[in-house]
Amino acid sequence: MKCPFCGFEDSKVIDSRSTEDNMAIRRRRECLQCNKRYTTYEKVEDIPILVIKKDSSREFFDKSKIISGLIKACQKRPISRKQIEDIASEVEKSLSNEMLTEVKSDMIGGVIMEKLKEIDEVAYVRFASVYRQFKDINTFMKEISNLLTNKKSK
């Protein structure tokens, strides 16, 4: 590992630990030339996931887009930033676990909607209205009616 201070290409590892989420290894290193210490992180290389949009175009999966959409849907609702980030992380993790290299945006939206439905019904309807492109009030009413029907049957 090249030293960030002097550029020397050899160092020794002083300490190695897993990060809190066990997704990486944090290493404290010491340069064998200048003796300065620095930290490196080692993690498994992510396989990029392509999202197939409704118009059949493809773009790389972007967790920040999920977070952005969730923030809008959850605005002025009792949902913490951590809950929003947890939903986005769960979606990302489920895609990685399935070893998918391509996924339709419909699938991602569906997973997000199911998670929101469990947390906050208003945020769920807000997200659904954008995701499913509700055209009028009747579409809203139908979704709310379905939500209430499913709630009663549980």
N, C-alpha and C. Protein backbone atom coordinates (compact mmCIF):
# COMPACT_ATOMS: atom_id res chain seq x y z
N MET A 1 0.85 -1.17 0.00
CA MET A 1 0.00 0.00 0.00
C MET A 1 0.90 1.23 0.00
N LYS A 2 0.68 2.11 -0.95
CA LYS A 2 1.51 3.31 -1.09
C LYS A 2 1.18 4.32 0.01
N CYS A 3 2.22 4.84 0.67
CA CYS A 3 2.06 5.82 1.75
C CYS A 3 1.52 7.14 1.17
N PRO A 4 0.45 7.69 1.78
CA PRO A 4 -0.09 8.96 1.28
C PRO A 4 0.79 10.16 1.61
N PHE A 5 1.76 9.98 2.50
CA PHE A 5 2.63 11.08 2.91
C PHE A 5 3.91 11.17 2.06
N CYS A 6 4.59 10.02 1.90
CA CYS A 6 5.88 10.06 1.19
C CYS A 6 5.88 9.25 -0.11
N GLY A 7 4.84 8.44 -0.33
CA GLY A 7 4.75 7.67 -1.57
C GLY A 7 5.48 6.34 -1.54
N PHE A 8 6.11 6.02 -0.42
CA PHE A 8 6.82 4.75 -0.30
C PHE A 8 5.82 3.61 -0.43
N GLU A 9 6.21 2.52 -1.07
CA GLU A 9 5.25 1.47 -1.41
C GLU A 9 5.19 0.31 -0.43
N ASP A 10 5.77 0.45 0.74
CA ASP A 10 5.72 -0.64 1.70
C ASP A 10 5.31 -0.11 3.06
N SER A 11 4.45 -0.87 3.73
CA SER A 11 3.97 -0.48 5.06
C SER A 11 3.71 -1.74 5.87
N LYS A 12 3.51 -1.56 7.16
CA LYS A 12 3.13 -2.70 7.98
C LYS A 12 1.78 -2.39 8.61
N VAL A 13 0.99 -3.45 8.80
CA VAL A 13 -0.32 -3.31 9.40
C VAL A 13 -0.15 -3.37 10.91
N ILE A 14 -0.65 -2.33 11.58
CA ILE A 14 -0.55 -2.25 13.04
C ILE A 14 -1.80 -2.82 13.69
N ASP A 15 -2.96 -2.55 13.08
CA ASP A 15 -4.23 -2.99 13.66
C ASP A 15 -5.22 -3.25 12.54
N SER A 16 -6.05 -4.28 12.70
CA SER A 16 -7.08 -4.64 11.73
C SER A 16 -8.38 -4.91 12.48
N ARG A 17 -9.46 -4.27 12.03
CA ARG A 17 -10.77 -4.49 12.65
C ARG A 17 -11.86 -4.42 11.60
N SER A 18 -12.95 -5.14 11.86
CA SER A 18 -14.13 -5.01 11.01
C SER A 18 -14.83 -3.71 11.35
N THR A 19 -15.47 -3.11 10.36
CA THR A 19 -16.27 -1.93 10.63
C THR A 19 -17.54 -2.36 11.35
N GLU A 20 -18.29 -1.38 11.86
CA GLU A 20 -19.50 -1.68 12.63
C GLU A 20 -20.48 -2.56 11.87
N ASP A 21 -20.64 -2.29 10.58
CA ASP A 21 -21.61 -3.04 9.78
C ASP A 21 -21.03 -4.31 9.17
N ASN A 22 -19.78 -4.61 9.49
CA ASN A 22 -19.09 -5.80 8.96
C ASN A 22 -19.02 -5.84 7.44
N MET A 23 -19.05 -4.66 6.82
CA MET A 23 -18.99 -4.59 5.36
C MET A 23 -17.58 -4.25 4.86
N ALA A 24 -16.67 -3.96 5.79
CA ALA A 24 -15.31 -3.60 5.40
C ALA A 24 -14.35 -3.91 6.56
N ILE A 25 -13.07 -3.90 6.24
CA ILE A 25 -12.04 -4.07 7.25
C ILE A 25 -11.23 -2.78 7.30
N ARG A 26 -11.11 -2.24 8.50
CA ARG A 26 -10.33 -1.01 8.72
C ARG A 26 -8.93 -1.43 9.17
N ARG A 27 -7.92 -0.91 8.49
CA ARG A 27 -6.54 -1.25 8.85
C ARG A 27 -5.76 0.02 9.16
N ARG A 28 -5.04 -0.01 10.29
CA ARG A 28 -4.09 1.06 10.62
C ARG A 28 -2.74 0.59 10.12
N ARG A 29 -2.10 1.43 9.34
CA ARG A 29 -0.81 1.08 8.75
C ARG A 29 0.25 2.09 9.16
N GLU A 30 1.50 1.62 9.10
CA GLU A 30 2.63 2.50 9.35
C GLU A 30 3.62 2.36 8.21
N CYS A 31 3.99 3.50 7.65
CA CYS A 31 4.94 3.52 6.54
C CYS A 31 6.31 3.08 7.05
N LEU A 32 6.97 2.21 6.30
CA LEU A 32 8.28 1.71 6.70
C LEU A 32 9.40 2.70 6.41
N GLN A 33 9.08 3.79 5.67
CA GLN A 33 10.11 4.79 5.39
C GLN A 33 9.97 6.02 6.29
N CYS A 34 8.78 6.66 6.30
CA CYS A 34 8.62 7.91 7.07
C CYS A 34 8.00 7.68 8.45
N ASN A 35 7.54 6.43 8.72
CA ASN A 35 6.96 6.03 10.00
C ASN A 35 5.64 6.72 10.34
N LYS A 36 5.02 7.39 9.38
CA LYS A 36 3.72 8.00 9.64
C LYS A 36 2.64 6.92 9.52
N ARG A 37 1.54 7.14 10.26
CA ARG A 37 0.44 6.18 10.28
C ARG A 37 -0.74 6.70 9.46
N TYR A 38 -1.43 5.77 8.85
CA TYR A 38 -2.62 6.11 8.08
C TYR A 38 -3.59 4.94 8.11
N THR A 39 -4.83 5.20 7.72
CA THR A 39 -5.89 4.19 7.76
C THR A 39 -6.32 3.83 6.35
N THR A 40 -6.54 2.54 6.13
CA THR A 40 -7.10 2.08 4.85
C THR A 40 -8.32 1.23 5.15
N TYR A 41 -9.18 1.10 4.15
CA TYR A 41 -10.37 0.26 4.27
C TYR A 41 -10.37 -0.74 3.13
N GLU A 42 -10.71 -1.96 3.44
CA GLU A 42 -10.81 -3.01 2.44
C GLU A 42 -12.25 -3.50 2.43
N LYS A 43 -12.86 -3.55 1.25
CA LYS A 43 -14.22 -4.06 1.15
C LYS A 43 -14.40 -4.84 -0.13
N VAL A 44 -15.41 -5.65 -0.16
CA VAL A 44 -15.72 -6.46 -1.33
C VAL A 44 -16.16 -5.52 -2.44
N GLU A 45 -15.67 -5.76 -3.63
CA GLU A 45 -16.03 -4.93 -4.77
C GLU A 45 -17.48 -5.19 -5.16
N ASP A 46 -18.23 -4.11 -5.25
CA ASP A 46 -19.63 -4.22 -5.62
C ASP A 46 -19.76 -4.52 -7.11
N ILE A 47 -20.71 -5.39 -7.42
CA ILE A 47 -21.04 -5.65 -8.82
C ILE A 47 -22.08 -4.60 -9.21
N PRO A 48 -21.79 -3.77 -10.20
CA PRO A 48 -22.76 -2.73 -10.55
C PRO A 48 -24.08 -3.33 -11.05
N ILE A 49 -25.16 -2.76 -10.57
CA ILE A 49 -26.49 -3.21 -10.97
C ILE A 49 -27.08 -2.17 -11.91
N LEU A 50 -27.57 -2.64 -13.05
CA LEU A 50 -28.22 -1.76 -14.00
C LEU A 50 -29.73 -1.79 -13.78
N VAL A 51 -30.33 -0.62 -13.76
CA VAL A 51 -31.78 -0.51 -13.61
C VAL A 51 -32.37 -0.29 -14.99
N ILE A 52 -33.35 -1.13 -15.33
CA ILE A 52 -34.04 -1.02 -16.61
C ILE A 52 -35.26 -0.13 -16.39
N LYS A 53 -35.23 1.04 -16.99
CA LYS A 53 -36.30 2.03 -16.81
C LYS A 53 -37.51 1.64 -17.66
N LYS A 54 -38.62 2.35 -17.45
CA LYS A 54 -39.85 2.06 -18.18
C LYS A 54 -39.69 2.24 -19.68
N ASP A 55 -38.80 3.16 -20.10
CA ASP A 55 -38.58 3.38 -21.54
C ASP A 55 -37.50 2.46 -22.10
N SER A 56 -37.11 1.43 -21.33
CA SER A 56 -36.10 0.43 -21.68
C SER A 56 -34.66 0.94 -21.64
N SER A 57 -34.48 2.19 -21.27
CA SER A 57 -33.10 2.67 -21.10
C SER A 57 -32.54 2.07 -19.82
N ARG A 58 -31.23 2.10 -19.70
CA ARG A 58 -30.57 1.52 -18.53
C ARG A 58 -29.68 2.56 -17.88
N GLU A 59 -29.66 2.50 -16.54
CA GLU A 59 -28.74 3.36 -15.80
C GLU A 59 -28.29 2.60 -14.55
N PHE A 60 -27.15 3.02 -13.99
CA PHE A 60 -26.63 2.35 -12.82
C PHE A 60 -27.53 2.60 -11.61
N PHE A 61 -27.70 1.57 -10.80
CA PHE A 61 -28.46 1.69 -9.55
C PHE A 61 -27.85 2.79 -8.71
N ASP A 62 -28.70 3.65 -8.16
CA ASP A 62 -28.23 4.77 -7.36
C ASP A 62 -29.08 4.85 -6.10
N LYS A 63 -28.51 4.43 -4.99
CA LYS A 63 -29.21 4.41 -3.70
C LYS A 63 -29.70 5.81 -3.32
N SER A 64 -28.96 6.83 -3.70
CA SER A 64 -29.35 8.20 -3.33
C SER A 64 -30.67 8.60 -3.99
N LYS A 65 -30.99 8.02 -5.15
CA LYS A 65 -32.27 8.32 -5.81
C LYS A 65 -33.42 7.75 -4.99
N ILE A 66 -33.22 6.57 -4.40
CA ILE A 66 -34.25 5.98 -3.55
C ILE A 66 -34.45 6.86 -2.32
N ILE A 67 -33.35 7.27 -1.71
CA ILE A 67 -33.43 8.12 -0.52
C ILE A 67 -34.15 9.42 -0.84
N SER A 68 -33.82 10.02 -1.97
CA SER A 68 -34.45 11.28 -2.38
C SER A 68 -35.96 11.11 -2.56
N GLY A 69 -36.37 10.05 -3.23
CA GLY A 69 -37.80 9.78 -3.42
C GLY A 69 -38.52 9.52 -2.10
N LEU A 70 -37.85 8.80 -1.22
CA LEU A 70 -38.45 8.51 0.09
C LEU A 70 -38.58 9.77 0.94
N ILE A 71 -37.59 10.64 0.87
CA ILE A 71 -37.66 11.90 1.64
C ILE A 71 -38.87 12.70 1.20
N LYS A 72 -39.12 12.76 -0.10
CA LYS A 72 -40.29 13.49 -0.60
C LYS A 72 -41.59 12.85 -0.13
N ALA A 73 -41.66 11.52 -0.20
CA ALA A 73 -42.88 10.81 0.20
C ALA A 73 -43.12 10.91 1.71
N CYS A 74 -42.07 11.02 2.47
CA CYS A 74 -42.17 11.00 3.94
C CYS A 74 -42.16 12.40 4.55
N GLN A 75 -42.17 13.41 3.71
CA GLN A 75 -42.13 14.79 4.20
C GLN A 75 -43.29 15.05 5.16
N LYS A 76 -42.97 15.64 6.31
CA LYS A 76 -43.94 15.98 7.37
C LYS A 76 -44.66 14.76 7.93
N ARG A 77 -43.99 13.61 7.85
CA ARG A 77 -44.52 12.38 8.43
C ARG A 77 -43.56 11.96 9.54
N PRO A 78 -44.03 11.16 10.50
CA PRO A 78 -43.16 10.76 11.63
C PRO A 78 -42.20 9.63 11.27
N ILE A 79 -41.40 9.87 10.24
CA ILE A 79 -40.46 8.85 9.76
C ILE A 79 -39.06 9.46 9.82
N SER A 80 -38.17 8.77 10.51
CA SER A 80 -36.82 9.30 10.71
C SER A 80 -35.95 9.11 9.46
N ARG A 81 -34.90 9.90 9.42
CA ARG A 81 -33.93 9.77 8.32
C ARG A 81 -33.33 8.36 8.33
N LYS A 82 -33.11 7.82 9.54
CA LYS A 82 -32.55 6.48 9.66
C LYS A 82 -33.49 5.44 9.04
N GLN A 83 -34.79 5.57 9.27
CA GLN A 83 -35.75 4.63 8.67
C GLN A 83 -35.69 4.70 7.15
N ILE A 84 -35.58 5.92 6.63
CA ILE A 84 -35.49 6.12 5.17
C ILE A 84 -34.23 5.45 4.64
N GLU A 85 -33.11 5.69 5.30
CA GLU A 85 -31.84 5.10 4.86
C GLU A 85 -31.86 3.58 5.02
N ASP A 86 -32.53 3.09 6.05
CA ASP A 86 -32.64 1.64 6.24
C ASP A 86 -33.43 0.99 5.10
N ILE A 87 -34.50 1.64 4.67
CA ILE A 87 -35.29 1.10 3.54
C ILE A 87 -34.40 1.04 2.29
N ALA A 88 -33.69 2.12 2.01
CA ALA A 88 -32.82 2.16 0.83
C ALA A 88 -31.73 1.08 0.93
N SER A 89 -31.17 0.91 2.11
CA SER A 89 -30.13 -0.11 2.31
C SER A 89 -30.69 -1.52 2.14
N GLU A 90 -31.92 -1.74 2.64
CA GLU A 90 -32.55 -3.06 2.49
C GLU A 90 -32.79 -3.38 1.02
N VAL A 91 -33.23 -2.39 0.27
CA VAL A 91 -33.46 -2.60 -1.17
C VAL A 91 -32.14 -2.94 -1.85
N GLU A 92 -31.11 -2.15 -1.56
CA GLU A 92 -29.80 -2.37 -2.16
C GLU A 92 -29.26 -3.75 -1.78
N LYS A 93 -29.39 -4.12 -0.52
CA LYS A 93 -28.89 -5.40 -0.05
C LYS A 93 -29.64 -6.56 -0.70
N SER A 94 -30.97 -6.43 -0.83
CA SER A 94 -31.74 -7.53 -1.44
C SER A 94 -31.35 -7.72 -2.91
N LEU A 95 -31.08 -6.61 -3.61
CA LEU A 95 -30.64 -6.73 -5.01
C LEU A 95 -29.27 -7.40 -5.08
N SER A 96 -28.38 -7.03 -4.18
CA SER A 96 -27.04 -7.63 -4.16
C SER A 96 -27.10 -9.10 -3.80
N ASN A 97 -27.94 -9.44 -2.82
CA ASN A 97 -28.06 -10.83 -2.39
C ASN A 97 -28.61 -11.73 -3.49
N GLU A 98 -29.45 -11.17 -4.34
CA GLU A 98 -30.02 -11.96 -5.44
C GLU A 98 -29.05 -12.06 -6.62
N MET A 99 -27.91 -11.39 -6.49
CA MET A 99 -26.86 -11.43 -7.52
C MET A 99 -27.39 -10.98 -8.89
N LEU A 100 -28.29 -10.02 -8.87
CA LEU A 100 -28.84 -9.50 -10.12
C LEU A 100 -27.87 -8.48 -10.72
N THR A 101 -27.71 -8.53 -12.02
CA THR A 101 -26.90 -7.50 -12.68
C THR A 101 -27.81 -6.48 -13.36
N GLU A 102 -29.06 -6.87 -13.61
CA GLU A 102 -30.07 -5.96 -14.16
C GLU A 102 -31.38 -6.19 -13.42
N VAL A 103 -32.08 -5.09 -13.16
CA VAL A 103 -33.37 -5.19 -12.47
C VAL A 103 -34.29 -4.11 -13.03
N LYS A 104 -35.56 -4.45 -13.17
CA LYS A 104 -36.53 -3.48 -13.67
C LYS A 104 -36.88 -2.49 -12.56
N SER A 105 -37.07 -1.25 -12.94
CA SER A 105 -37.41 -0.21 -11.96
C SER A 105 -38.71 -0.55 -11.26
N ASP A 106 -39.62 -1.27 -11.95
CA ASP A 106 -40.89 -1.70 -11.34
C ASP A 106 -40.66 -2.54 -10.10
N MET A 107 -39.69 -3.43 -10.17
CA MET A 107 -39.40 -4.30 -9.04
C MET A 107 -38.91 -3.48 -7.84
N ILE A 108 -38.00 -2.54 -8.11
CA ILE A 108 -37.47 -1.69 -7.04
C ILE A 108 -38.60 -0.88 -6.41
N GLY A 109 -39.43 -0.26 -7.24
CA GLY A 109 -40.55 0.53 -6.73
C GLY A 109 -41.51 -0.31 -5.91
N GLY A 110 -41.77 -1.53 -6.36
CA GLY A 110 -42.67 -2.42 -5.63
C GLY A 110 -42.14 -2.77 -4.24
N VAL A 111 -40.85 -3.05 -4.16
CA VAL A 111 -40.22 -3.37 -2.87
C VAL A 111 -40.30 -2.17 -1.94
N ILE A 112 -40.02 -0.99 -2.46
CA ILE A 112 -40.08 0.23 -1.65
C ILE A 112 -41.50 0.45 -1.14
N MET A 113 -42.48 0.27 -2.01
CA MET A 113 -43.88 0.47 -1.61
C MET A 113 -44.28 -0.49 -0.49
N GLU A 114 -43.86 -1.75 -0.59
CA GLU A 114 -44.20 -2.72 0.45
C GLU A 114 -43.59 -2.32 1.79
N LYS A 115 -42.37 -1.84 1.76
CA LYS A 115 -41.70 -1.42 3.00
C LYS A 115 -42.39 -0.18 3.58
N LEU A 116 -42.76 0.77 2.72
CA LEU A 116 -43.45 1.97 3.19
C LEU A 116 -44.83 1.65 3.77
N LYS A 117 -45.50 0.69 3.15
CA LYS A 117 -46.84 0.31 3.62
C LYS A 117 -46.79 -0.16 5.07
N GLU A 118 -45.70 -0.83 5.44
CA GLU A 118 -45.54 -1.32 6.81
C GLU A 118 -45.26 -0.20 7.80
N ILE A 119 -44.65 0.89 7.31
CA ILE A 119 -44.21 1.98 8.20
C ILE A 119 -45.24 3.10 8.30
N ASP A 120 -45.74 3.57 7.15
CA ASP A 120 -46.62 4.74 7.15
C ASP A 120 -47.48 4.73 5.88
N GLU A 121 -48.78 4.62 6.08
CA GLU A 121 -49.69 4.49 4.93
C GLU A 121 -49.77 5.76 4.09
N VAL A 122 -49.66 6.92 4.73
CA VAL A 122 -49.71 8.18 3.99
C VAL A 122 -48.48 8.29 3.07
N ALA A 123 -47.32 7.99 3.63
CA ALA A 123 -46.10 8.01 2.81
C ALA A 123 -46.19 6.99 1.69
N TYR A 124 -46.80 5.85 1.98
CA TYR A 124 -47.00 4.81 0.96
C TYR A 124 -47.83 5.36 -0.21
N VAL A 125 -48.96 6.01 0.10
CA VAL A 125 -49.83 6.53 -0.95
C VAL A 125 -49.12 7.65 -1.72
N ARG A 126 -48.38 8.49 -1.03
CA ARG A 126 -47.62 9.55 -1.71
C ARG A 126 -46.61 8.94 -2.69
N PHE A 127 -45.86 7.96 -2.21
CA PHE A 127 -44.85 7.33 -3.07
C PHE A 127 -45.53 6.65 -4.26
N ALA A 128 -46.61 5.92 -3.98
CA ALA A 128 -47.35 5.21 -5.03
C ALA A 128 -47.88 6.18 -6.08
N SER A 129 -48.32 7.36 -5.65
CA SER A 129 -48.89 8.33 -6.60
C SER A 129 -47.85 8.80 -7.62
N VAL A 130 -46.62 8.94 -7.19
CA VAL A 130 -45.56 9.34 -8.12
C VAL A 130 -45.07 8.14 -8.91
N TYR A 131 -44.80 7.05 -8.20
CA TYR A 131 -44.26 5.85 -8.82
C TYR A 131 -45.21 5.28 -9.88
N ARG A 132 -46.49 5.22 -9.56
CA ARG A 132 -47.48 4.67 -10.50
C ARG A 132 -48.12 5.73 -11.39
N GLN A 133 -47.68 6.96 -11.23
CA GLN A 133 -48.15 8.09 -12.04
C GLN A 133 -49.68 8.22 -12.02
N PHE A 134 -50.22 8.40 -10.81
CA PHE A 134 -51.67 8.60 -10.68
C PHE A 134 -52.08 9.80 -11.52
N LYS A 135 -53.16 9.63 -12.29
CA LYS A 135 -53.60 10.67 -13.22
C LYS A 135 -54.71 11.55 -12.62
N ASP A 136 -55.50 10.99 -11.71
CA ASP A 136 -56.62 11.75 -11.16
C ASP A 136 -56.97 11.27 -9.75
N ILE A 137 -57.94 11.92 -9.15
CA ILE A 137 -58.34 11.61 -7.77
C ILE A 137 -58.92 10.20 -7.66
N ASN A 138 -59.53 9.70 -8.72
CA ASN A 138 -60.11 8.34 -8.68
C ASN A 138 -59.02 7.29 -8.48
N THR A 139 -57.86 7.51 -9.06
CA THR A 139 -56.75 6.58 -8.88
C THR A 139 -56.29 6.59 -7.42
N PHE A 140 -56.24 7.80 -6.83
CA PHE A 140 -55.90 7.90 -5.40
C PHE A 140 -56.92 7.13 -4.57
N MET A 141 -58.19 7.37 -4.86
CA MET A 141 -59.28 6.74 -4.09
C MET A 141 -59.21 5.21 -4.21
N LYS A 142 -58.92 4.72 -5.38
CA LYS A 142 -58.82 3.27 -5.59
C LYS A 142 -57.68 2.69 -4.74
N GLU A 143 -56.52 3.37 -4.73
CA GLU A 143 -55.38 2.89 -3.96
C GLU A 143 -55.68 2.91 -2.47
N ILE A 144 -56.32 3.99 -2.01
CA ILE A 144 -56.67 4.09 -0.59
C ILE A 144 -57.70 3.03 -0.23
N SER A 145 -58.65 2.79 -1.12
CA SER A 145 -59.65 1.76 -0.89
C SER A 145 -59.00 0.38 -0.78
N ASN A 146 -58.06 0.08 -1.67
CA ASN A 146 -57.33 -1.19 -1.61
C ASN A 146 -56.57 -1.32 -0.30
N LEU A 147 -55.97 -0.23 0.13
CA LEU A 147 -55.21 -0.21 1.38
C LEU A 147 -56.13 -0.51 2.56
N LEU A 148 -57.29 0.13 2.57
CA LEU A 148 -58.26 -0.09 3.67
C LEU A 148 -58.82 -1.51 3.64
N THR A 149 -59.11 -2.03 2.46
CA THR A 149 -59.62 -3.39 2.33
C THR A 149 -58.61 -4.40 2.84
N ASN A 150 -57.36 -4.23 2.44
CA ASN A 150 -56.30 -5.14 2.90
C ASN A 150 -56.09 -5.03 4.40
N LYS A 151 -56.26 -3.85 4.94
CA LYS A 151 -56.08 -3.63 6.37
C LYS A 151 -57.17 -4.35 7.16
N LYS A 152 -58.42 -4.29 6.65
CA LYS A 152 -59.55 -4.94 7.32
C LYS A 152 -59.44 -6.46 7.29
N SER A 153 -58.88 -6.99 6.21
CA SER A 153 -58.80 -8.45 6.05
C SER A 153 -57.68 -9.07 6.89
N LYS A 154 -56.85 -8.25 7.52
CA LYS A 154 -55.76 -8.79 8.35
C LYS A 154 -56.20 -9.08 9.75
